[in-house]
Amino acid sequence: MPQLTFERVEKKYLLTPAQLDALAPMLHRHMQIDQYGRHTICNVYYDTPDYRLIRTSLQKPVYKEKLRLRSYGVPGPGDTVFVELKKKYRGVVYKRRTALELTAAERWLAGDGPAPEGQIAREIEYFQSLYRTGPAVFLAYDRAAMFGRQDPDLRLTLDENIRWRTDALALSAGDRGSPLSVQGLYLMEVKLPGVMPLWLAHGLAQAGAAPVSFSKYGCCYREFLQEDVRHAG
């Protein structure tokens, strides 16, 4: 059964190919590729028509939240997807998600279908009652995910080829999109249940990799959508 709740600290790094090459031997020793191997993740981010949620997030408040519909690969109507409510408070990420068939998930979020049972669905219902969001941006990327050989709760992901679109805002419409400016770099996310292992901290320092504040949706908004919102205002 897929995990539906997460609580962790996330550190992000934008790596050049040379930095990733420097880290590769260390990652091979300490990390194991997960069961999915290299795969494509597709997301539809939900927001208000004036992008209120991502604008608030970019102001770096103590508390922020966002809603997205996620699939692993391009789904068909009966395939399972995840409705995810992601919150961040004082540097700790809390992710709550519920699994549904694609059509049921889209209808629910549009207000045209029944809500699933459970506490997580009630939290998402409350979120939607506050913000009344709809599909805003599609984002996809190719990911390799790993877990620690000694500590399986240590997770690390490498994302590349991050792409976006604002037309055809459905997961079933394929994973095409225009590239973000970070094309050619790797976004590494280290998902920590506690403190960072010493071997990883040393390896990152030796590779000259420093943590960054980076949001894929935020990057897309700043590069391509912000001017449209200003002109509309």
C-alpha atoms as a PDB file:
ATOM      1  CA  MET A   1       0.000   0.000   0.000  1.00  0.00           C
ATOM      2  CA  PRO A   2       1.479   3.416  -0.941  1.00  0.00           C
ATOM      3  CA  GLN A   3       2.441   5.779   1.845  1.00  0.00           C
ATOM      4  CA  LEU A   4      -0.162   8.523   2.312  1.00  0.00           C
ATOM      5  CA  THR A   5       1.368  10.746   5.000  1.00  0.00           C
ATOM      6  CA  PHE A   6       4.866  12.220   5.214  1.00  0.00           C
ATOM      7  CA  GLU A   7       6.644  14.431   7.736  1.00  0.00           C
ATOM      8  CA  ARG A   8      10.242  15.388   7.029  1.00  0.00           C
ATOM      9  CA  VAL A   9      12.827  18.078   6.417  1.00  0.00           C
ATOM     10  CA  GLU A  10      13.694  18.588   2.756  1.00  0.00           C
ATOM     11  CA  LYS A  11      16.951  20.082   1.476  1.00  0.00           C
ATOM     12  CA  LYS A  12      17.271  21.020  -2.186  1.00  0.00           C
ATOM     13  CA  TYR A  13      20.357  21.369  -4.382  1.00  0.00           C
ATOM     14  CA  LEU A  14      20.722  22.409  -8.029  1.00  0.00           C
ATOM     15  CA  LEU A  15      23.613  20.333  -9.365  1.00  0.00           C
ATOM     16  CA  THR A  16      25.680  20.664 -12.495  1.00  0.00           C
ATOM     17  CA  PRO A  17      26.525  17.432 -14.334  1.00  0.00           C
ATOM     18  CA  ALA A  18      30.091  17.734 -12.960  1.00  0.00           C
ATOM     19  CA  GLN A  19      28.827  18.010  -9.378  1.00  0.00           C
ATOM     20  CA  LEU A  20      26.581  14.988  -9.847  1.00  0.00           C
ATOM     21  CA  ASP A  21      29.521  13.017 -11.264  1.00  0.00           C
ATOM     22  CA  ALA A  22      31.526  13.920  -8.150  1.00  0.00           C
ATOM     23  CA  LEU A  23      28.706  12.717  -5.883  1.00  0.00           C
ATOM     24  CA  ALA A  24      27.923   9.539  -7.847  1.00  0.00           C
ATOM     25  CA  PRO A  25      30.457   7.155  -6.199  1.00  0.00           C
ATOM     26  CA  MET A  26      29.313   8.206  -2.722  1.00  0.00           C
ATOM     27  CA  LEU A  27      25.636   7.827  -3.633  1.00  0.00           C
ATOM     28  CA  HIS A  28      26.318   4.390  -5.086  1.00  0.00           C
ATOM     29  CA  ARG A  29      27.920   3.276  -1.816  1.00  0.00           C
ATOM     30  CA  HIS A  30      25.249   4.599   0.511  1.00  0.00           C
ATOM     31  CA  MET A  31      22.009   4.739  -1.491  1.00  0.00           C
ATOM     32  CA  GLN A  32      19.845   2.204  -3.322  1.00  0.00           C
ATOM     33  CA  ILE A  33      17.612   2.986  -6.319  1.00  0.00           C
ATOM     34  CA  ASP A  34      13.991   2.323  -5.344  1.00  0.00           C
ATOM     35  CA  GLN A  35      11.666  -0.169  -7.001  1.00  0.00           C
ATOM     36  CA  TYR A  36      10.442   2.295  -9.648  1.00  0.00           C
ATOM     37  CA  GLY A  37      13.862   3.109 -11.080  1.00  0.00           C
ATOM     38  CA  ARG A  38      13.885   6.101 -13.401  1.00  0.00           C
ATOM     39  CA  HIS A  39      10.342   7.326 -14.009  1.00  0.00           C
ATOM     40  CA  THR A  40       8.337  10.379 -15.030  1.00  0.00           C
ATOM     41  CA  ILE A  41       6.237  12.276 -12.503  1.00  0.00           C
ATOM     42  CA  CYS A  42       3.308  14.346 -13.748  1.00  0.00           C
ATOM     43  CA  ASN A  43       1.551  17.007 -11.675  1.00  0.00           C
ATOM     44  CA  VAL A  44      -1.321  19.411 -12.099  1.00  0.00           C
ATOM     45  CA  TYR A  45      -1.015  22.221  -9.557  1.00  0.00           C
ATOM     46  CA  TYR A  46      -4.263  23.753  -8.355  1.00  0.00           C
ATOM     47  CA  ASP A  47      -4.474  27.463  -7.630  1.00  0.00           C
ATOM     48  CA  THR A  48      -6.801  30.451  -7.763  1.00  0.00           C
ATOM     49  CA  PRO A  49      -7.202  32.370 -11.043  1.00  0.00           C
ATOM     50  CA  ASP A  50      -4.755  35.022  -9.781  1.00  0.00           C
ATOM     51  CA  TYR A  51      -2.235  32.400  -8.549  1.00  0.00           C
ATOM     52  CA  ARG A  52      -2.777  33.353  -4.923  1.00  0.00           C
ATOM     53  CA  LEU A  53      -1.221  30.219  -3.465  1.00  0.00           C
ATOM     54  CA  ILE A  54       2.081  30.356  -5.326  1.00  0.00           C
ATOM     55  CA  ARG A  55       2.356  34.136  -4.850  1.00  0.00           C
ATOM     56  CA  THR A  56       1.943  33.641  -1.111  1.00  0.00           C
ATOM     57  CA  SER A  57       4.431  30.768  -1.103  1.00  0.00           C
ATOM     58  CA  LEU A  58       7.090  32.866  -2.816  1.00  0.00           C
ATOM     59  CA  GLN A  59       6.862  35.408  -0.007  1.00  0.00           C
ATOM     60  CA  LYS A  60       8.330  32.697   2.262  1.00  0.00           C
ATOM     61  CA  PRO A  61       5.735  32.757   5.053  1.00  0.00           C
ATOM     62  CA  VAL A  62       6.148  30.642   8.191  1.00  0.00           C
ATOM     63  CA  TYR A  63       3.265  28.455   6.975  1.00  0.00           C
ATOM     64  CA  LYS A  64       2.309  27.664   3.397  1.00  0.00           C
ATOM     65  CA  GLU A  65       0.320  25.024   1.564  1.00  0.00           C
ATOM     66  CA  LYS A  66      -0.445  23.841  -1.941  1.00  0.00           C
ATOM     67  CA  LEU A  67      -2.652  21.311  -3.679  1.00  0.00           C
ATOM     68  CA  ARG A  68      -1.729  19.120  -6.619  1.00  0.00           C
ATOM     69  CA  LEU A  69      -2.875  16.084  -8.541  1.00  0.00           C
ATOM     70  CA  ARG A  70      -0.001  13.668  -9.165  1.00  0.00           C
ATOM     71  CA  SER A  71       0.596  10.562 -11.250  1.00  0.00           C
ATOM     72  CA  TYR A  72       3.584   8.336 -11.892  1.00  0.00           C
ATOM     73  CA  GLY A  73       3.674   8.235 -15.657  1.00  0.00           C
ATOM     74  CA  VAL A  74       0.812   9.357 -17.887  1.00  0.00           C
ATOM     75  CA  PRO A  75      -2.409   7.815 -16.519  1.00  0.00           C
ATOM     76  CA  GLY A  76      -5.543   6.574 -18.210  1.00  0.00           C
ATOM     77  CA  PRO A  77      -9.072   7.245 -16.861  1.00  0.00           C
ATOM     78  CA  GLY A  78      -9.087   4.206 -14.545  1.00  0.00           C
ATOM     79  CA  ASP A  79      -5.522   4.507 -13.283  1.00  0.00           C
ATOM     80  CA  THR A  80      -4.682   5.504  -9.735  1.00  0.00           C
ATOM     81  CA  VAL A  81      -3.479   9.041  -9.048  1.00  0.00           C
ATOM     82  CA  PHE A  82      -2.848  10.993  -5.862  1.00  0.00           C
ATOM     83  CA  VAL A  83      -4.508  14.144  -4.600  1.00  0.00           C
ATOM     84  CA  GLU A  84      -1.835  15.740  -2.433  1.00  0.00           C
ATOM     85  CA  LEU A  85      -2.058  18.519   0.110  1.00  0.00           C
ATOM     86  CA  LYS A  86       1.471  19.683   0.902  1.00  0.00           C
ATOM     87  CA  LYS A  87       2.125  21.976   3.844  1.00  0.00           C
ATOM     88  CA  LYS A  88       5.325  23.512   5.152  1.00  0.00           C
ATOM     89  CA  TYR A  89       5.698  24.969   8.625  1.00  0.00           C
ATOM     90  CA  ARG A  90       8.993  26.273  10.019  1.00  0.00           C
ATOM     91  CA  GLY A  91      11.023  24.215   7.573  1.00  0.00           C
ATOM     92  CA  VAL A  92       9.204  20.919   8.130  1.00  0.00           C
ATOM     93  CA  VAL A  93       7.213  19.475   5.218  1.00  0.00           C
ATOM     94  CA  TYR A  94       3.934  17.663   5.855  1.00  0.00           C
ATOM     95  CA  LYS A  95       2.428  15.845   2.897  1.00  0.00           C
ATOM     96  CA  ARG A  96      -1.045  14.317   3.047  1.00  0.00           C
ATOM     97  CA  ARG A  97      -2.474  12.479   0.088  1.00  0.00           C
ATOM     98  CA  THR A  98      -5.310  10.236  -0.935  1.00  0.00           C
ATOM     99  CA  ALA A  99      -5.380   7.735  -3.824  1.00  0.00           C
ATOM    100  CA  LEU A 100      -8.217   7.736  -6.361  1.00  0.00           C
ATOM    101  CA  GLU A 101      -8.935   6.780  -9.932  1.00  0.00           C
ATOM    102  CA  LEU A 102      -8.082   9.660 -12.247  1.00  0.00           C
ATOM    103  CA  THR A 103     -11.629  10.491 -13.341  1.00  0.00           C
ATOM    104  CA  ALA A 104     -12.949  10.362  -9.781  1.00  0.00           C
ATOM    105  CA  ALA A 105     -10.131  12.610  -8.547  1.00  0.00           C
ATOM    106  CA  GLU A 106     -10.705  15.215 -11.262  1.00  0.00           C
ATOM    107  CA  ARG A 107     -14.457  15.249 -10.674  1.00  0.00           C
ATOM    108  CA  TRP A 108     -14.023  15.567  -6.912  1.00  0.00           C
ATOM    109  CA  LEU A 109     -11.623  18.496  -7.179  1.00  0.00           C
ATOM    110  CA  ALA A 110     -13.938  20.182  -9.686  1.00  0.00           C
ATOM    111  CA  GLY A 111     -16.830  19.880  -7.220  1.00  0.00           C
ATOM    112  CA  ASP A 112     -18.703  17.475  -9.475  1.00  0.00           C
ATOM    113  CA  GLY A 113     -18.071  14.208  -7.641  1.00  0.00           C
ATOM    114  CA  PRO A 114     -18.222  12.753  -4.161  1.00  0.00           C
ATOM    115  CA  ALA A 115     -15.355  13.106  -1.733  1.00  0.00           C
ATOM    116  CA  PRO A 116     -13.613   9.941  -0.574  1.00  0.00           C
ATOM    117  CA  GLU A 117     -13.835   8.993   3.059  1.00  0.00           C
ATOM    118  CA  GLY A 118     -11.181   9.748   5.649  1.00  0.00           C
ATOM    119  CA  GLN A 119      -9.427  12.534   7.483  1.00  0.00           C
ATOM    120  CA  ILE A 120      -7.116  13.469   4.620  1.00  0.00           C
ATOM    121  CA  ALA A 121     -10.046  13.956   2.253  1.00  0.00           C
ATOM    122  CA  ARG A 122     -11.741  16.168   4.843  1.00  0.00           C
ATOM    123  CA  GLU A 123      -8.600  18.311   5.051  1.00  0.00           C
ATOM    124  CA  ILE A 124      -8.573  18.684   1.263  1.00  0.00           C
ATOM    125  CA  GLU A 125     -12.288  19.525   1.280  1.00  0.00           C
ATOM    126  CA  TYR A 126     -11.641  22.259   3.842  1.00  0.00           C
ATOM    127  CA  PHE A 127      -8.746  23.612   1.774  1.00  0.00           C
ATOM    128  CA  GLN A 128     -10.986  23.799  -1.280  1.00  0.00           C
ATOM    129  CA  SER A 129     -13.731  25.514   0.697  1.00  0.00           C
ATOM    130  CA  LEU A 130     -11.228  28.256   1.548  1.00  0.00           C
ATOM    131  CA  TYR A 131      -9.501  28.743  -1.807  1.00  0.00           C
ATOM    132  CA  ARG A 132     -11.810  27.209  -4.446  1.00  0.00           C
ATOM    133  CA  THR A 133      -8.866  26.307  -6.644  1.00  0.00           C
ATOM    134  CA  GLY A 134      -8.798  24.872 -10.131  1.00  0.00           C
ATOM    135  CA  PRO A 135      -6.120  23.435 -12.440  1.00  0.00           C
ATOM    136  CA  ALA A 136      -3.441  26.096 -13.006  1.00  0.00           C
ATOM    137  CA  VAL A 137      -0.156  24.586 -14.233  1.00  0.00           C
ATOM    138  CA  PHE A 138       1.049  21.198 -15.432  1.00  0.00           C
ATOM    139  CA  LEU A 139       4.597  20.227 -14.428  1.00  0.00           C
ATOM    140  CA  ALA A 140       6.467  17.035 -15.292  1.00  0.00           C
ATOM    141  CA  TYR A 141      10.000  15.798 -14.737  1.00  0.00           C
ATOM    142  CA  ASP A 142      12.073  12.658 -14.988  1.00  0.00           C
ATOM    143  CA  ARG A 143      13.096  11.291 -11.600  1.00  0.00           C
ATOM    144  CA  ALA A 144      15.454   8.760 -10.082  1.00  0.00           C
ATOM    145  CA  ALA A 145      14.557   8.040  -6.441  1.00  0.00           C
ATOM    146  CA  MET A 146      16.809   6.381  -3.864  1.00  0.00           C
ATOM    147  CA  PHE A 147      16.725   5.322  -0.236  1.00  0.00           C
ATOM    148  CA  GLY A 148      19.522   4.769   2.260  1.00  0.00           C
ATOM    149  CA  ARG A 149      21.086   1.328   2.395  1.00  0.00           C
ATOM    150  CA  GLN A 150      21.556   1.660   6.164  1.00  0.00           C
ATOM    151  CA  ASP A 151      18.623   4.003   6.809  1.00  0.00           C
ATOM    152  CA  PRO A 152      15.620   3.385   4.509  1.00  0.00           C
ATOM    153  CA  ASP A 153      13.921   6.512   5.883  1.00  0.00           C
ATOM    154  CA  LEU A 154      16.595   8.629   4.196  1.00  0.00           C
ATOM    155  CA  ARG A 155      15.287   9.463   0.729  1.00  0.00           C
ATOM    156  CA  LEU A 156      16.979  11.233  -2.159  1.00  0.00           C
ATOM    157  CA  THR A 157      15.537  12.180  -5.525  1.00  0.00           C
ATOM    158  CA  LEU A 158      17.182  13.505  -8.689  1.00  0.00           C
ATOM    159  CA  ASP A 159      14.909  15.387 -11.091  1.00  0.00           C
ATOM    160  CA  GLU A 160      15.786  16.558 -14.598  1.00  0.00           C
ATOM    161  CA  ASN A 161      14.056  17.788 -17.734  1.00  0.00           C
ATOM    162  CA  ILE A 162      11.533  19.841 -15.761  1.00  0.00           C
ATOM    163  CA  ARG A 163       8.815  21.035 -18.122  1.00  0.00           C
ATOM    164  CA  TRP A 164       5.516  22.902 -17.880  1.00  0.00           C
ATOM    165  CA  ARG A 165       2.396  23.946 -19.730  1.00  0.00           C
ATOM    166  CA  THR A 166      -0.809  25.857 -19.016  1.00  0.00           C
ATOM    167  CA  ASP A 167      -2.888  24.285 -21.776  1.00  0.00           C
ATOM    168  CA  ALA A 168      -4.322  20.744 -21.649  1.00  0.00           C
ATOM    169  CA  LEU A 169      -4.355  20.747 -17.842  1.00  0.00           C
ATOM    170  CA  ALA A 170      -5.063  17.050 -17.477  1.00  0.00           C
ATOM    171  CA  LEU A 171      -2.675  14.299 -16.439  1.00  0.00           C
ATOM    172  CA  SER A 172      -3.973  12.108 -19.242  1.00  0.00           C
ATOM    173  CA  ALA A 173      -2.947  14.675 -21.887  1.00  0.00           C
ATOM    174  CA  GLY A 174       0.670  13.508 -21.952  1.00  0.00           C
ATOM    175  CA  ASP A 175       3.869  14.747 -20.365  1.00  0.00           C
ATOM    176  CA  ARG A 176       4.935  17.326 -22.966  1.00  0.00           C
ATOM    177  CA  GLY A 177       5.883  20.823 -21.900  1.00  0.00           C
ATOM    178  CA  SER A 178       8.284  23.715 -22.294  1.00  0.00           C
ATOM    179  CA  PRO A 179      11.543  23.628 -20.312  1.00  0.00           C
ATOM    180  CA  LEU A 180      12.317  25.770 -17.288  1.00  0.00           C
ATOM    181  CA  SER A 181      15.539  27.786 -17.130  1.00  0.00           C
ATOM    182  CA  VAL A 182      17.198  25.083 -15.012  1.00  0.00           C
ATOM    183  CA  GLN A 183      17.337  22.786 -18.029  1.00  0.00           C
ATOM    184  CA  GLY A 184      20.671  20.960 -17.972  1.00  0.00           C
ATOM    185  CA  LEU A 185      20.849  20.963 -14.190  1.00  0.00           C
ATOM    186  CA  TYR A 186      19.696  18.294 -11.748  1.00  0.00           C
ATOM    187  CA  LEU A 187      17.412  19.131  -8.850  1.00  0.00           C
ATOM    188  CA  MET A 188      18.414  16.942  -5.940  1.00  0.00           C
ATOM    189  CA  GLU A 189      16.072  16.750  -2.971  1.00  0.00           C
ATOM    190  CA  VAL A 190      17.271  15.140   0.236  1.00  0.00           C
ATOM    191  CA  LYS A 191      14.341  14.085   2.408  1.00  0.00           C
ATOM    192  CA  LEU A 192      15.523  13.721   5.982  1.00  0.00           C
ATOM    193  CA  PRO A 193      13.728  12.045   8.889  1.00  0.00           C
ATOM    194  CA  GLY A 194      16.213  13.794  11.201  1.00  0.00           C
ATOM    195  CA  VAL A 195      19.727  15.205  10.822  1.00  0.00           C
ATOM    196  CA  MET A 196      21.747  14.793   7.625  1.00  0.00           C
ATOM    197  CA  PRO A 197      24.238  11.892   7.712  1.00  0.00           C
ATOM    198  CA  LEU A 198      27.840  13.003   8.042  1.00  0.00           C
ATOM    199  CA  TRP A 199      28.915  11.190   4.869  1.00  0.00           C
ATOM    200  CA  LEU A 200      26.329  13.092   2.835  1.00  0.00           C
ATOM    201  CA  ALA A 201      27.174  16.468   4.380  1.00  0.00           C
ATOM    202  CA  HIS A 202      30.872  15.921   3.628  1.00  0.00           C
ATOM    203  CA  GLY A 203      30.190  14.750   0.087  1.00  0.00           C
ATOM    204  CA  LEU A 204      28.021  17.758  -0.712  1.00  0.00           C
ATOM    205  CA  ALA A 205      30.641  20.131   0.673  1.00  0.00           C
ATOM    206  CA  GLN A 206      33.399  18.488  -1.365  1.00  0.00           C
ATOM    207  CA  ALA A 207      31.282  18.762  -4.525  1.00  0.00           C
ATOM    208  CA  GLY A 208      30.648  22.446  -3.830  1.00  0.00           C
ATOM    209  CA  ALA A 209      26.892  21.869  -3.601  1.00  0.00           C
ATOM    210  CA  ALA A 210      25.024  24.373  -1.441  1.00  0.00           C
ATOM    211  CA  PRO A 211      21.343  24.147  -0.476  1.00  0.00           C
ATOM    212  CA  VAL A 212      18.951  26.369  -2.403  1.00  0.00           C
ATOM    213  CA  SER A 213      15.419  27.589  -1.962  1.00  0.00           C
ATOM    214  CA  PHE A 214      13.724  26.258  -5.089  1.00  0.00           C
ATOM    215  CA  SER A 215      10.167  25.443  -6.085  1.00  0.00           C
ATOM    216  CA  LYS A 216       9.392  24.024  -9.521  1.00  0.00           C
ATOM    217  CA  TYR A 217       5.981  25.700  -9.538  1.00  0.00           C
ATOM    218  CA  GLY A 218       7.497  28.893  -8.136  1.00  0.00           C
ATOM    219  CA  CYS A 219      10.188  28.933 -10.825  1.00  0.00           C
ATOM    220  CA  CYS A 220       7.558  28.440 -13.517  1.00  0.00           C
ATOM    221  CA  TYR A 221       5.422  31.264 -12.107  1.00  0.00           C
ATOM    222  CA  ARG A 222       8.324  33.720 -11.906  1.00  0.00           C
ATOM    223  CA  GLU A 223       9.634  32.932 -15.386  1.00  0.00           C
ATOM    224  CA  PHE A 224       6.431  32.655 -17.383  1.00  0.00           C
ATOM    225  CA  LEU A 225       3.255  33.574 -15.499  1.00  0.00           C
ATOM    226  CA  GLN A 226       4.040  36.551 -13.296  1.00  0.00           C
ATOM    227  CA  GLU A 227       3.903  39.137 -16.079  1.00  0.00           C
ATOM    228  CA  ASP A 228       0.510  37.858 -17.215  1.00  0.00           C
ATOM    229  CA  VAL A 229      -0.845  38.353 -13.697  1.00  0.00           C
ATOM    230  CA  ARG A 230       0.572  41.892 -13.535  1.00  0.00           C
ATOM    231  CA  HIS A 231      -0.981  42.828 -16.861  1.00  0.00           C
ATOM    232  CA  ALA A 232      -4.324  41.308 -15.833  1.00  0.00           C
ATOM    233  CA  GLY A 233      -4.238  43.404 -12.636  1.00  0.00           C
END
